[in-house]
Amino acid sequence: MFFELRVYPMQPGKGQEFAKYMDDEIIPFQLSKGMTILGSFLNDEEDTYVWIRRFADEAEKDALYDAVYNNDYWRNEVAPKLPALMDGSRMQVTRLKATPRSFMR
């Protein structure tokens, strides 16, 4: 099992709008495709959005990425709205493995 820690820098002043879009559209869509999302956070001071997803293994990650990112809804409805809200060129994705005593599993 592993996690993705995803950090998205926002376009200036767009943090609240992006967080609402995540809560209302992106997270429900990804959950409907089988994604496990453990938490999402907004850092108003740095104008960044952070979220954590969990995968059983690389095969599950590949299948879920395909189900989400190669979906017509994602390509035609979601993706076109993202550049106005976040700076994708500075997005950070970090892969993490839980330590033996981690409560997040």
N, C-alpha and C. Protein backbone atom coordinates (compact mmCIF):
# COMPACT_ATOMS: atom_id res chain seq x y z
N MET A 1 0.84 -1.17 0.00
CA MET A 1 0.00 0.00 0.00
C MET A 1 0.89 1.24 0.00
N PHE A 2 0.43 2.27 -0.70
CA PHE A 2 1.15 3.54 -0.69
C PHE A 2 0.16 4.69 -0.86
N PHE A 3 0.66 5.88 -0.61
CA PHE A 3 -0.14 7.10 -0.64
C PHE A 3 0.45 8.08 -1.63
N GLU A 4 -0.39 8.95 -2.13
CA GLU A 4 0.06 10.12 -2.88
C GLU A 4 -0.29 11.35 -2.08
N LEU A 5 0.70 12.17 -1.82
CA LEU A 5 0.50 13.48 -1.24
C LEU A 5 0.60 14.47 -2.39
N ARG A 6 -0.50 15.12 -2.69
CA ARG A 6 -0.57 16.01 -3.85
C ARG A 6 -0.72 17.45 -3.37
N VAL A 7 0.18 18.33 -3.81
CA VAL A 7 0.19 19.74 -3.42
C VAL A 7 0.01 20.58 -4.68
N TYR A 8 -1.05 21.36 -4.69
CA TYR A 8 -1.39 22.19 -5.85
C TYR A 8 -1.31 23.66 -5.50
N PRO A 9 -0.39 24.40 -6.08
CA PRO A 9 -0.40 25.85 -5.91
C PRO A 9 -1.60 26.44 -6.67
N MET A 10 -2.27 27.36 -6.03
CA MET A 10 -3.46 27.98 -6.62
C MET A 10 -3.08 29.20 -7.46
N GLN A 11 -3.93 29.52 -8.40
CA GLN A 11 -3.83 30.83 -9.04
C GLN A 11 -4.19 31.85 -7.95
N PRO A 12 -3.65 33.06 -8.03
CA PRO A 12 -3.89 34.04 -6.96
C PRO A 12 -5.37 34.21 -6.64
N GLY A 13 -5.68 34.03 -5.35
CA GLY A 13 -7.03 34.24 -4.87
C GLY A 13 -8.04 33.16 -5.22
N LYS A 14 -7.60 32.03 -5.74
CA LYS A 14 -8.53 30.99 -6.20
C LYS A 14 -8.65 29.79 -5.26
N GLY A 15 -8.02 29.84 -4.08
CA GLY A 15 -8.02 28.70 -3.18
C GLY A 15 -9.40 28.24 -2.76
N GLN A 16 -10.24 29.16 -2.30
CA GLN A 16 -11.58 28.79 -1.86
C GLN A 16 -12.42 28.22 -3.01
N GLU A 17 -12.31 28.84 -4.17
CA GLU A 17 -13.06 28.38 -5.34
C GLU A 17 -12.60 26.97 -5.74
N PHE A 18 -11.28 26.74 -5.71
CA PHE A 18 -10.77 25.43 -6.06
C PHE A 18 -11.22 24.38 -5.05
N ALA A 19 -11.14 24.70 -3.76
CA ALA A 19 -11.56 23.76 -2.72
C ALA A 19 -13.02 23.37 -2.90
N LYS A 20 -13.86 24.32 -3.24
CA LYS A 20 -15.28 24.03 -3.49
C LYS A 20 -15.43 23.13 -4.72
N TYR A 21 -14.66 23.40 -5.78
CA TYR A 21 -14.71 22.58 -6.98
C TYR A 21 -14.26 21.15 -6.67
N MET A 22 -13.22 21.02 -5.85
CA MET A 22 -12.78 19.69 -5.44
C MET A 22 -13.90 18.98 -4.68
N ASP A 23 -14.49 19.66 -3.69
CA ASP A 23 -15.53 19.04 -2.86
C ASP A 23 -16.78 18.70 -3.65
N ASP A 24 -17.15 19.56 -4.57
CA ASP A 24 -18.42 19.39 -5.29
C ASP A 24 -18.31 18.52 -6.54
N GLU A 25 -17.16 18.53 -7.20
CA GLU A 25 -17.03 17.85 -8.49
C GLU A 25 -15.94 16.78 -8.52
N ILE A 26 -14.71 17.18 -8.25
CA ILE A 26 -13.58 16.29 -8.48
C ILE A 26 -13.56 15.11 -7.53
N ILE A 27 -13.69 15.37 -6.23
CA ILE A 27 -13.64 14.26 -5.28
C ILE A 27 -14.81 13.30 -5.49
N PRO A 28 -16.05 13.78 -5.61
CA PRO A 28 -17.13 12.81 -5.87
C PRO A 28 -16.92 12.00 -7.15
N PHE A 29 -16.42 12.65 -8.20
CA PHE A 29 -16.16 11.92 -9.45
C PHE A 29 -15.11 10.84 -9.23
N GLN A 30 -13.99 11.20 -8.59
CA GLN A 30 -12.93 10.22 -8.38
C GLN A 30 -13.39 9.10 -7.45
N LEU A 31 -14.16 9.41 -6.43
CA LEU A 31 -14.70 8.37 -5.56
C LEU A 31 -15.59 7.41 -6.34
N SER A 32 -16.38 7.96 -7.27
CA SER A 32 -17.27 7.11 -8.06
C SER A 32 -16.50 6.14 -8.95
N LYS A 33 -15.25 6.45 -9.23
CA LYS A 33 -14.42 5.57 -10.05
C LYS A 33 -13.60 4.60 -9.21
N GLY A 34 -13.74 4.69 -7.87
CA GLY A 34 -13.06 3.75 -6.98
C GLY A 34 -11.86 4.31 -6.25
N MET A 35 -11.52 5.58 -6.45
CA MET A 35 -10.38 6.20 -5.80
C MET A 35 -10.62 6.27 -4.29
N THR A 36 -9.56 6.07 -3.49
CA THR A 36 -9.63 6.25 -2.05
C THR A 36 -8.95 7.57 -1.71
N ILE A 37 -9.71 8.51 -1.20
CA ILE A 37 -9.21 9.83 -0.85
C ILE A 37 -9.32 9.97 0.66
N LEU A 38 -8.19 10.16 1.32
CA LEU A 38 -8.15 10.16 2.78
C LEU A 38 -8.33 11.54 3.39
N GLY A 39 -8.01 12.58 2.66
CA GLY A 39 -8.16 13.92 3.22
C GLY A 39 -7.82 14.98 2.19
N SER A 40 -8.38 16.15 2.42
CA SER A 40 -8.06 17.30 1.57
C SER A 40 -7.99 18.53 2.47
N PHE A 41 -7.10 19.46 2.10
CA PHE A 41 -6.78 20.58 2.97
C PHE A 41 -6.49 21.82 2.14
N LEU A 42 -6.83 22.95 2.68
CA LEU A 42 -6.52 24.23 2.03
C LEU A 42 -5.60 25.01 2.95
N ASN A 43 -4.47 25.45 2.44
CA ASN A 43 -3.54 26.29 3.17
C ASN A 43 -3.70 27.71 2.63
N ASP A 44 -4.52 28.50 3.29
CA ASP A 44 -4.79 29.86 2.83
C ASP A 44 -3.56 30.75 2.84
N GLU A 45 -2.65 30.52 3.78
CA GLU A 45 -1.45 31.36 3.88
C GLU A 45 -0.54 31.22 2.67
N GLU A 46 -0.44 30.02 2.14
CA GLU A 46 0.42 29.78 0.97
C GLU A 46 -0.38 29.63 -0.31
N ASP A 47 -1.71 29.73 -0.22
CA ASP A 47 -2.59 29.58 -1.37
C ASP A 47 -2.32 28.26 -2.09
N THR A 48 -2.34 27.18 -1.28
CA THR A 48 -2.14 25.84 -1.83
C THR A 48 -3.24 24.91 -1.35
N TYR A 49 -3.51 23.89 -2.15
CA TYR A 49 -4.47 22.85 -1.83
C TYR A 49 -3.69 21.55 -1.73
N VAL A 50 -3.95 20.77 -0.70
CA VAL A 50 -3.24 19.51 -0.46
C VAL A 50 -4.27 18.41 -0.27
N TRP A 51 -3.99 17.25 -0.89
CA TRP A 51 -4.86 16.11 -0.64
C TRP A 51 -4.06 14.83 -0.67
N ILE A 52 -4.65 13.77 -0.10
CA ILE A 52 -3.97 12.50 0.03
C ILE A 52 -4.86 11.40 -0.52
N ARG A 53 -4.27 10.58 -1.39
CA ARG A 53 -4.98 9.42 -1.94
C ARG A 53 -4.20 8.16 -1.57
N ARG A 54 -4.91 7.03 -1.46
CA ARG A 54 -4.28 5.76 -1.11
C ARG A 54 -4.52 4.73 -2.20
N PHE A 55 -3.50 3.92 -2.45
CA PHE A 55 -3.58 2.85 -3.44
C PHE A 55 -3.07 1.55 -2.82
N ALA A 56 -3.69 0.45 -3.18
CA ALA A 56 -3.26 -0.86 -2.70
C ALA A 56 -1.91 -1.24 -3.28
N ASP A 57 -1.73 -0.95 -4.57
CA ASP A 57 -0.49 -1.29 -5.27
C ASP A 57 -0.44 -0.53 -6.59
N GLU A 58 0.62 -0.74 -7.33
CA GLU A 58 0.82 -0.02 -8.60
C GLU A 58 -0.26 -0.37 -9.63
N ALA A 59 -0.70 -1.62 -9.64
CA ALA A 59 -1.74 -2.04 -10.60
C ALA A 59 -3.05 -1.29 -10.32
N GLU A 60 -3.41 -1.16 -9.05
CA GLU A 60 -4.63 -0.41 -8.73
C GLU A 60 -4.49 1.05 -9.13
N LYS A 61 -3.34 1.64 -8.84
CA LYS A 61 -3.10 3.04 -9.21
C LYS A 61 -3.26 3.22 -10.72
N ASP A 62 -2.64 2.35 -11.51
CA ASP A 62 -2.73 2.46 -12.96
C ASP A 62 -4.18 2.34 -13.44
N ALA A 63 -4.92 1.40 -12.88
CA ALA A 63 -6.32 1.21 -13.28
C ALA A 63 -7.17 2.42 -12.90
N LEU A 64 -6.95 2.98 -11.71
CA LEU A 64 -7.72 4.14 -11.27
C LEU A 64 -7.34 5.39 -12.06
N TYR A 65 -6.06 5.57 -12.33
CA TYR A 65 -5.65 6.70 -13.17
C TYR A 65 -6.34 6.62 -14.53
N ASP A 66 -6.38 5.42 -15.10
CA ASP A 66 -7.03 5.25 -16.40
C ASP A 66 -8.52 5.57 -16.30
N ALA A 67 -9.18 5.07 -15.27
CA ALA A 67 -10.62 5.30 -15.11
C ALA A 67 -10.95 6.77 -14.92
N VAL A 68 -10.07 7.50 -14.27
CA VAL A 68 -10.33 8.93 -14.00
C VAL A 68 -9.85 9.80 -15.15
N TYR A 69 -8.58 9.72 -15.48
CA TYR A 69 -7.97 10.70 -16.38
C TYR A 69 -8.20 10.41 -17.87
N ASN A 70 -8.61 9.21 -18.21
CA ASN A 70 -8.95 8.91 -19.60
C ASN A 70 -10.46 8.88 -19.83
N ASN A 71 -11.19 9.44 -18.90
CA ASN A 71 -12.64 9.51 -18.97
C ASN A 71 -13.06 10.78 -19.70
N ASP A 72 -14.07 10.68 -20.55
CA ASP A 72 -14.53 11.86 -21.30
C ASP A 72 -14.98 13.00 -20.40
N TYR A 73 -15.63 12.67 -19.28
CA TYR A 73 -16.06 13.72 -18.35
C TYR A 73 -14.85 14.48 -17.84
N TRP A 74 -13.79 13.77 -17.45
CA TRP A 74 -12.58 14.43 -16.97
C TRP A 74 -11.98 15.31 -18.06
N ARG A 75 -11.81 14.74 -19.23
CA ARG A 75 -11.16 15.47 -20.34
C ARG A 75 -11.96 16.68 -20.81
N ASN A 76 -13.29 16.54 -20.88
CA ASN A 76 -14.12 17.60 -21.47
C ASN A 76 -14.70 18.58 -20.47
N GLU A 77 -14.90 18.15 -19.22
CA GLU A 77 -15.54 19.01 -18.23
C GLU A 77 -14.59 19.50 -17.14
N VAL A 78 -13.82 18.59 -16.58
CA VAL A 78 -12.98 18.93 -15.44
C VAL A 78 -11.67 19.60 -15.87
N ALA A 79 -10.90 18.92 -16.67
CA ALA A 79 -9.56 19.40 -17.05
C ALA A 79 -9.56 20.82 -17.63
N PRO A 80 -10.50 21.19 -18.48
CA PRO A 80 -10.46 22.54 -19.03
C PRO A 80 -10.63 23.66 -17.99
N LYS A 81 -11.23 23.36 -16.85
CA LYS A 81 -11.45 24.37 -15.81
C LYS A 81 -10.24 24.56 -14.89
N LEU A 82 -9.34 23.60 -14.85
CA LEU A 82 -8.26 23.60 -13.88
C LEU A 82 -7.23 24.73 -14.06
N PRO A 83 -6.79 25.07 -15.26
CA PRO A 83 -5.77 26.12 -15.38
C PRO A 83 -6.18 27.47 -14.80
N ALA A 84 -7.46 27.79 -14.81
CA ALA A 84 -7.91 29.07 -14.24
C ALA A 84 -7.87 29.04 -12.71
N LEU A 85 -7.80 27.85 -12.12
CA LEU A 85 -7.85 27.71 -10.67
C LEU A 85 -6.50 27.38 -10.04
N MET A 86 -5.71 26.56 -10.71
CA MET A 86 -4.44 26.11 -10.13
C MET A 86 -3.29 26.24 -11.11
N ASP A 87 -2.08 26.32 -10.57
CA ASP A 87 -0.87 26.39 -11.39
C ASP A 87 -0.30 24.99 -11.52
N GLY A 88 -0.75 24.27 -12.54
CA GLY A 88 -0.34 22.89 -12.75
C GLY A 88 1.15 22.71 -12.99
N SER A 89 1.83 23.76 -13.44
CA SER A 89 3.26 23.66 -13.70
C SER A 89 4.07 23.52 -12.41
N ARG A 90 3.47 23.89 -11.28
CA ARG A 90 4.17 23.80 -9.99
C ARG A 90 3.57 22.74 -9.06
N MET A 91 2.69 21.92 -9.58
CA MET A 91 2.08 20.84 -8.81
C MET A 91 3.14 19.85 -8.36
N GLN A 92 3.00 19.36 -7.12
CA GLN A 92 3.93 18.37 -6.58
C GLN A 92 3.15 17.12 -6.19
N VAL A 93 3.66 15.97 -6.60
CA VAL A 93 3.07 14.69 -6.22
C VAL A 93 4.19 13.86 -5.58
N THR A 94 3.97 13.49 -4.32
CA THR A 94 4.96 12.72 -3.57
C THR A 94 4.36 11.38 -3.19
N ARG A 95 5.09 10.33 -3.47
CA ARG A 95 4.64 8.97 -3.13
C ARG A 95 5.19 8.63 -1.75
N LEU A 96 4.30 8.14 -0.88
CA LEU A 96 4.67 7.86 0.50
C LEU A 96 4.26 6.45 0.90
N LYS A 97 5.05 5.83 1.78
CA LYS A 97 4.68 4.55 2.39
C LYS A 97 4.55 4.79 3.89
N ALA A 98 3.50 4.24 4.48
CA ALA A 98 3.27 4.41 5.91
C ALA A 98 4.31 3.66 6.72
N THR A 99 4.70 4.25 7.83
CA THR A 99 5.58 3.58 8.77
C THR A 99 4.76 2.59 9.59
N PRO A 100 5.41 1.64 10.25
CA PRO A 100 4.67 0.61 10.98
C PRO A 100 3.68 1.16 12.02
N ARG A 101 3.96 2.30 12.63
CA ARG A 101 3.08 2.82 13.66
C ARG A 101 2.16 3.92 13.16
N SER A 102 2.12 4.13 11.88
CA SER A 102 1.25 5.16 11.33
C SER A 102 -0.21 4.78 11.52
N PHE A 103 -1.03 5.74 11.90
CA PHE A 103 -2.46 5.50 12.02
C PHE A 103 -3.16 5.53 10.67
N MET A 104 -2.51 6.11 9.69
CA MET A 104 -3.09 6.20 8.35
C MET A 104 -2.67 4.97 7.57
N ARG A 105 -3.62 4.17 7.25
CA ARG A 105 -3.33 2.92 6.52
C ARG A 105 -4.38 2.73 5.46
